[in-house]
Protein backbone atom coordinates (compact mmCIF):
# COMPACT_ATOMS: atom_id res chain seq x y z
CA MET A 1 -70.55 -89.41 24.98
CA SER A 2 -68.44 -91.76 22.81
CA THR A 3 -69.53 -93.60 19.73
CA GLY A 4 -68.32 -95.08 16.46
CA LEU A 5 -68.00 -92.75 13.44
CA PRO A 6 -71.30 -92.45 11.58
CA PRO A 7 -71.54 -92.78 7.79
CA GLY A 8 -72.71 -89.16 7.50
CA GLU A 9 -71.50 -85.86 8.96
CA PRO A 10 -70.02 -86.08 12.48
CA ALA A 11 -72.19 -84.30 15.08
CA SER A 12 -70.90 -81.47 17.20
CA GLY A 13 -69.98 -82.35 20.82
CA VAL A 14 -69.73 -86.12 20.22
CA LEU A 15 -66.56 -88.10 20.64
CA TYR A 16 -66.04 -90.55 17.73
CA GLU A 17 -63.44 -93.12 18.65
CA SER A 18 -60.78 -94.22 16.21
CA THR A 19 -60.95 -97.72 14.65
CA PRO A 20 -58.29 -99.70 12.78
CA GLY A 21 -57.54 -97.79 9.59
CA ARG A 22 -59.87 -94.97 10.50
CA PRO A 23 -59.19 -91.91 12.74
CA GLY A 24 -61.62 -90.64 15.31
CA ILE A 25 -62.81 -87.06 15.64
CA TYR A 26 -64.18 -84.69 18.22
CA ARG A 27 -65.76 -81.51 16.89
CA ARG A 28 -67.18 -78.31 18.51
CA ARG A 29 -68.72 -76.16 15.80
CA ASP A 30 -69.60 -73.44 18.27
CA LEU A 31 -65.85 -73.09 19.13
CA GLY A 32 -64.54 -73.67 15.64
CA LEU A 33 -62.57 -76.64 16.98
CA ALA A 34 -61.92 -80.11 15.50
CA LEU A 35 -59.63 -82.75 17.03
CA LEU A 36 -58.40 -85.70 14.95
CA LEU A 37 -57.72 -88.78 17.11
CA ARG A 38 -55.57 -91.88 16.62
CA ASP A 39 -55.00 -94.61 19.21
CA GLY A 40 -56.50 -92.51 21.98
CA LYS A 41 -54.22 -89.49 21.25
CA VAL A 42 -54.76 -86.18 19.48
CA ALA A 43 -53.11 -86.44 16.03
CA GLY A 44 -54.34 -83.14 14.66
CA ILE A 45 -56.10 -79.93 15.62
CA GLY A 46 -58.31 -77.89 13.26
CA LEU A 47 -59.35 -74.26 14.09
CA SER A 48 -61.81 -72.02 12.33
CA ARG A 49 -63.72 -68.88 13.24
CA SER A 50 -66.80 -69.85 15.14
CA ALA A 51 -70.22 -68.60 14.07
CA GLY A 52 -71.11 -65.42 15.79
CA ALA A 53 -67.58 -64.16 16.25
CA ARG A 54 -67.67 -60.42 16.72
CA LEU A 55 -65.50 -58.46 14.26
CA ARG A 56 -63.69 -55.32 15.44
CA GLN A 57 -63.25 -54.02 11.96
CA LEU A 58 -64.28 -54.86 8.34
CA PRO A 59 -61.54 -56.26 6.19
CA ARG A 60 -60.59 -54.09 3.22
CA PHE A 61 -60.72 -55.45 -0.34
CA ASP A 62 -57.47 -55.35 -2.32
CA PRO A 63 -58.19 -55.47 -6.07
CA ASN A 64 -54.56 -56.68 -6.69
CA SER A 65 -55.05 -59.75 -4.53
CA LYS A 66 -56.09 -63.09 -5.99
CA ASN A 67 -57.74 -64.15 -2.72
CA PRO A 68 -61.53 -64.30 -3.38
CA PHE A 69 -62.37 -64.37 0.36
CA GLN A 70 -60.71 -61.14 1.50
CA VAL A 71 -63.98 -59.81 2.91
CA ASP A 72 -65.17 -63.03 4.46
CA LEU A 73 -68.16 -62.26 6.68
CA ARG A 74 -69.72 -65.77 6.89
CA GLY A 75 -71.14 -66.30 10.39
CA ALA A 76 -69.54 -63.04 11.62
CA ASN A 77 -71.16 -60.56 13.99
CA LEU A 78 -70.85 -56.99 12.59
CA SER A 79 -73.50 -55.49 14.82
CA SER A 80 -71.08 -53.00 16.50
CA LEU A 81 -69.53 -51.62 13.31
CA ASP A 82 -70.36 -48.56 11.35
CA LEU A 83 -70.25 -49.55 7.66
CA ARG A 84 -71.83 -46.43 6.07
CA GLU A 85 -68.61 -45.62 4.14
CA ARG A 86 -67.71 -49.21 3.25
CA ALA A 87 -70.01 -49.89 0.29
CA ALA A 88 -67.12 -50.77 -2.06
CA ASP A 89 -65.79 -53.42 0.39
CA LEU A 90 -69.26 -54.85 0.98
CA GLN A 91 -69.78 -55.26 -2.76
CA GLN A 92 -66.90 -57.81 -2.61
CA ALA A 93 -68.05 -59.47 0.61
CA VAL A 94 -68.88 -63.13 1.14
CA PHE A 95 -71.62 -63.56 3.74
CA ASP A 96 -74.47 -65.90 4.68
CA THR A 97 -77.67 -66.05 6.72
CA ARG A 98 -75.63 -66.36 9.91
CA THR A 99 -74.02 -62.98 9.41
CA THR A 100 -75.24 -60.39 11.93
CA TRP A 101 -75.47 -56.95 10.50
CA PRO A 102 -75.53 -53.48 12.10
CA PRO A 103 -78.72 -51.52 12.20
CA ARG A 104 -79.87 -50.08 8.84
CA GLU A 105 -78.69 -46.60 9.83
CA ARG A 106 -75.12 -47.87 10.03
CA LEU A 107 -75.16 -49.56 6.65
CA PRO A 108 -74.55 -47.98 3.19
CA GLU A 109 -77.65 -46.50 1.63
CA GLY A 110 -79.48 -49.10 -0.41
CA PHE A 111 -77.53 -52.07 0.96
CA ASP A 112 -79.85 -55.02 1.51
CA ALA A 113 -78.14 -58.31 2.37
CA GLY A 114 -81.38 -60.28 2.17
CA ARG A 115 -82.17 -59.04 -1.34
CA ILE A 116 -78.63 -59.88 -2.43
CA LEU A 117 -78.99 -63.43 -1.12
CA GLU A 118 -82.35 -63.94 -2.85
CA THR A 119 -81.02 -62.51 -6.18
CA GLY A 120 -78.12 -64.96 -5.94
CA LYS A 121 -80.55 -67.89 -5.75
CA ASN A 122 -81.98 -67.26 -9.17
CA PRO A 123 -80.16 -69.46 -11.77
CA GLY A 124 -81.18 -67.03 -14.54
CA LEU A 125 -81.35 -67.92 -18.23
CA GLY A 126 -85.10 -68.47 -17.96
CA VAL A 127 -84.58 -71.65 -15.93
CA ARG A 128 -87.44 -70.85 -13.48
CA ARG A 129 -89.81 -70.54 -16.41
CA LEU A 130 -88.85 -74.07 -17.40
CA HIS A 131 -89.53 -75.22 -13.83
CA LYS A 132 -93.06 -73.83 -14.01
CA ARG A 133 -93.58 -75.91 -17.13
CA GLY A 134 -92.58 -79.08 -15.19
CA ILE A 135 -89.01 -79.34 -16.60
CA THR A 136 -87.11 -79.98 -13.38
CA GLY A 137 -84.77 -82.88 -14.16
CA LYS A 138 -87.10 -85.39 -12.56
CA GLY A 139 -85.99 -88.92 -13.38
CA ALA A 140 -82.65 -87.82 -14.77
CA GLY A 141 -79.44 -89.01 -13.18
CA VAL A 142 -76.71 -86.46 -12.67
CA ALA A 143 -73.19 -87.33 -11.41
CA LEU A 144 -70.88 -84.70 -9.92
CA VAL A 145 -67.23 -85.13 -9.04
CA ASP A 146 -65.79 -82.48 -6.75
CA ASN A 147 -64.02 -81.78 -3.51
CA LEU A 148 -65.50 -83.07 -0.26
CA ILE A 149 -69.29 -82.67 -0.56
CA LEU A 150 -71.76 -82.31 2.27
CA ALA A 151 -74.18 -84.91 0.97
CA SER A 152 -76.85 -84.03 3.62
CA HIS A 153 -76.95 -80.38 2.48
CA GLN A 154 -80.50 -78.96 2.80
CA GLU A 155 -80.37 -77.80 -0.80
CA PHE A 156 -79.97 -81.28 -2.36
CA GLY A 157 -79.68 -83.94 0.37
CA GLY A 158 -83.10 -85.45 -0.39
CA HIS A 159 -82.07 -86.30 -3.88
CA VAL A 160 -78.73 -88.00 -3.25
CA ARG A 161 -78.89 -91.61 -4.42
CA LEU A 162 -75.23 -92.38 -3.80
CA HIS A 163 -72.21 -90.61 -2.27
CA GLU A 164 -68.77 -92.17 -2.27
CA HIS A 165 -65.28 -90.97 -1.37
CA ILE A 166 -62.05 -91.38 -3.29
CA ASN A 167 -58.96 -90.02 -1.54
CA ALA A 168 -61.21 -87.76 0.54
CA SER A 169 -61.94 -88.63 4.23
CA PRO A 170 -65.65 -88.73 5.08
CA ILE A 171 -64.88 -87.21 8.49
CA GLY A 172 -63.26 -84.07 7.10
CA ASP A 173 -64.91 -80.66 6.85
CA PRO A 174 -66.86 -80.44 3.64
CA ASP A 175 -65.34 -78.10 1.07
CA MET A 176 -67.26 -75.03 -0.03
CA HIS A 177 -66.73 -75.66 -3.71
CA GLY A 178 -68.29 -79.08 -4.02
CA SER A 179 -71.49 -78.38 -2.18
CA THR A 180 -71.88 -75.10 -4.06
CA VAL A 181 -71.52 -76.80 -7.45
CA VAL A 182 -74.09 -79.47 -6.53
CA SER A 183 -76.46 -76.72 -5.24
CA ILE A 184 -76.21 -74.87 -8.57
CA ALA A 185 -76.89 -78.05 -10.51
CA ALA A 186 -79.74 -79.46 -8.43
CA GLY A 187 -80.40 -77.31 -5.37
CA GLN A 188 -84.10 -77.05 -4.29
CA THR A 189 -84.12 -73.22 -4.25
CA LEU A 190 -81.45 -72.30 -6.68
CA GLY A 191 -80.67 -75.38 -8.85
CA VAL A 192 -81.10 -75.87 -12.57
CA ALA A 193 -82.47 -79.41 -12.09
CA PRO A 194 -83.95 -79.51 -8.56
CA GLU A 195 -85.57 -82.96 -8.96
CA ALA A 196 -82.63 -84.81 -10.56
CA ASP A 197 -81.23 -87.99 -8.98
CA LEU A 198 -77.75 -87.16 -7.69
CA TYR A 199 -74.66 -89.48 -7.72
CA LEU A 200 -71.83 -87.75 -5.89
CA ILE A 201 -68.10 -88.61 -5.72
CA SER A 202 -66.05 -86.61 -3.21
CA CYS A 203 -62.51 -86.48 -4.53
CA TRP A 204 -59.57 -84.20 -4.19
CA ALA A 205 -57.67 -83.14 -7.33
CA HIS A 206 -54.39 -82.11 -5.81
CA ALA A 207 -51.47 -84.01 -4.35
CA GLY A 208 -48.65 -82.22 -2.53
CA GLY A 209 -50.08 -78.87 -3.60
CA ALA A 210 -50.04 -79.73 -7.33
CA LEU A 211 -52.82 -80.60 -9.68
CA ASP A 212 -53.17 -84.44 -9.93
CA LEU A 213 -56.10 -85.76 -11.89
CA THR A 214 -55.44 -89.45 -11.27
CA ALA A 215 -58.08 -89.83 -8.57
CA ARG A 216 -60.58 -87.75 -10.60
CA ALA A 217 -60.15 -90.16 -13.49
CA LYS A 218 -60.90 -93.08 -11.09
CA ALA A 219 -64.00 -91.19 -10.00
CA PHE A 220 -65.26 -90.98 -13.58
CA GLU A 221 -64.56 -94.76 -14.00
CA ARG A 222 -66.56 -95.38 -10.82
CA VAL A 223 -69.51 -93.42 -12.11
CA LEU A 224 -69.60 -95.48 -15.24
CA GLU A 225 -69.37 -98.66 -13.24
CA ILE A 226 -72.44 -97.52 -11.18
CA ASN A 227 -74.29 -96.43 -14.26
CA ARG A 228 -74.01 -99.83 -15.97
CA LYS A 229 -75.86 -101.40 -13.15
CA LEU A 230 -78.77 -98.92 -13.10
CA PRO A 231 -82.11 -99.65 -14.86
CA ALA A 232 -82.28 -97.99 -18.29
CA VAL A 233 -84.84 -95.44 -17.13
CA LYS A 234 -82.67 -94.43 -14.16
CA ARG A 235 -79.34 -94.20 -15.94
CA ILE A 236 -77.00 -91.22 -15.29
CA ARG A 237 -77.20 -88.81 -18.23
CA VAL A 238 -74.70 -86.16 -17.18
CA ILE A 239 -71.36 -86.21 -15.42
CA SER A 240 -69.95 -82.82 -14.36
CA MET A 241 -66.65 -81.77 -12.89
CA SER A 242 -65.90 -78.05 -12.39
CA LEU A 243 -62.27 -78.49 -13.22
CA GLY A 244 -60.28 -78.66 -16.45
CA TRP A 245 -56.76 -79.72 -17.49
CA THR A 246 -54.12 -79.55 -20.12
CA PRO A 247 -51.91 -82.36 -21.44
CA GLN A 248 -49.05 -81.20 -19.14
CA ASP A 249 -50.98 -81.87 -15.97
CA LYS A 250 -50.36 -85.04 -13.97
CA GLY A 251 -53.06 -87.65 -14.69
CA ALA A 252 -54.27 -85.75 -17.78
CA ALA A 253 -54.06 -88.79 -20.04
CA GLU A 254 -56.07 -90.91 -17.62
CA MET A 255 -58.56 -88.10 -17.14
CA GLU A 256 -59.09 -87.60 -20.91
CA ALA A 257 -59.44 -91.38 -21.44
CA ALA A 258 -62.08 -91.53 -18.69
CA ALA A 259 -63.96 -88.54 -20.06
CA LEU A 260 -63.93 -89.99 -23.57
CA LYS A 261 -65.21 -93.33 -22.32
CA ALA A 262 -68.06 -91.54 -20.58
CA LYS A 263 -68.97 -89.78 -23.82
CA GLN A 264 -68.81 -93.10 -25.70
CA GLU A 265 -71.27 -94.56 -23.16
CA GLY A 266 -73.80 -91.85 -23.81
CA LEU A 267 -73.10 -89.38 -21.00
CA LEU A 268 -72.95 -85.70 -21.49
CA VAL A 269 -69.57 -84.75 -20.04
CA ILE A 270 -69.16 -81.22 -18.59
CA THR A 271 -65.84 -79.88 -17.41
CA SER A 272 -64.23 -76.42 -17.13
CA SER A 273 -60.71 -75.15 -17.45
CA GLY A 274 -60.31 -72.10 -15.21
CA GLU A 275 -57.87 -69.25 -15.44
CA LEU A 276 -54.65 -71.28 -15.33
CA ALA A 277 -55.62 -73.42 -18.35
CA SER A 278 -56.96 -70.30 -20.13
CA ARG A 279 -53.59 -68.65 -19.90
CA ARG A 280 -51.95 -71.66 -21.49
CA GLY A 281 -53.97 -71.13 -24.74
CA ARG A 282 -55.41 -73.72 -27.11
CA TYR A 283 -54.52 -77.40 -27.12
CA ARG A 284 -55.78 -80.66 -28.51
CA ASP A 285 -57.59 -83.25 -26.42
CA ALA A 286 -57.26 -87.07 -26.57
CA ALA A 287 -59.76 -87.19 -29.46
CA GLY A 288 -57.74 -84.67 -31.51
CA ALA A 289 -60.34 -81.90 -31.12
CA ASP A 290 -59.13 -78.33 -30.96
CA VAL A 291 -60.11 -76.99 -27.54
CA GLN A 292 -60.32 -73.41 -26.33
CA PRO A 293 -60.28 -73.37 -22.56
CA TYR A 294 -62.46 -70.66 -20.99
CA GLY A 295 -61.27 -68.76 -17.96
CA SER A 296 -63.67 -68.14 -15.08
CA GLY A 297 -66.28 -65.59 -15.89
CA THR A 298 -65.75 -65.83 -19.67
CA GLY A 299 -68.46 -66.36 -22.17
CA PHE A 300 -71.16 -67.95 -20.07
CA GLU A 301 -72.99 -65.06 -18.34
């Protein structure tokens, strides 16, 4: 079957033909295969582990490694493994509802994957008590700028009012980070504001492997442009980007100017700095304020 590329997520097993200025794609999620097509020829091949792939052994966690996905069990089949002595590695594992586990007698005592998943859905800080009081973000506009977001995600797809792309192809594989951040902000089962109206901008923040905030600044400007056209009662109140910067980063001046403009127009601006900025110490932002960047996992638990 051949068709033109849809506005949403490409379906598995469907050939989407290329058009002028836009590549085509053929994807088989069951095989972990994606083909990028240009002018009737394969221009790129993407491979990933297919869901249900049987693992012969469990990866070991190295505390000296900076890779957070060392024990990546998402969609993996572990049914043939004996994991009774691997509790330490499982504590560092990344898994999902597609992960197939061994029988309970071959798992560490007390290990309960389902309970871990449910615990991870709780936003904490008494947020669910606020939900019971009807404080759910209903009527509030929230804009999020992040890597390629899956706007049809089951956690928040029903509340997406707009999704645009800046320097991110809509046919690419959604990035884990963007969809996770939106889920935390407004997911139906784990979000802080599950009834908020969402305005999403998918936008990469790196060019040639280095941090480049130029496109992110344009994303902020685009959010402000959208907001000026919304009715007063539907205006965006918050703009969030889970990334920070220092004056030395490319595009930092543009980013700080865009963030300051958003604040001046009445939006609550939320950004983070991460470990790299944290190691660089204090600095002053465009408004002259003394800023202490926080590394990941610092001060907010």
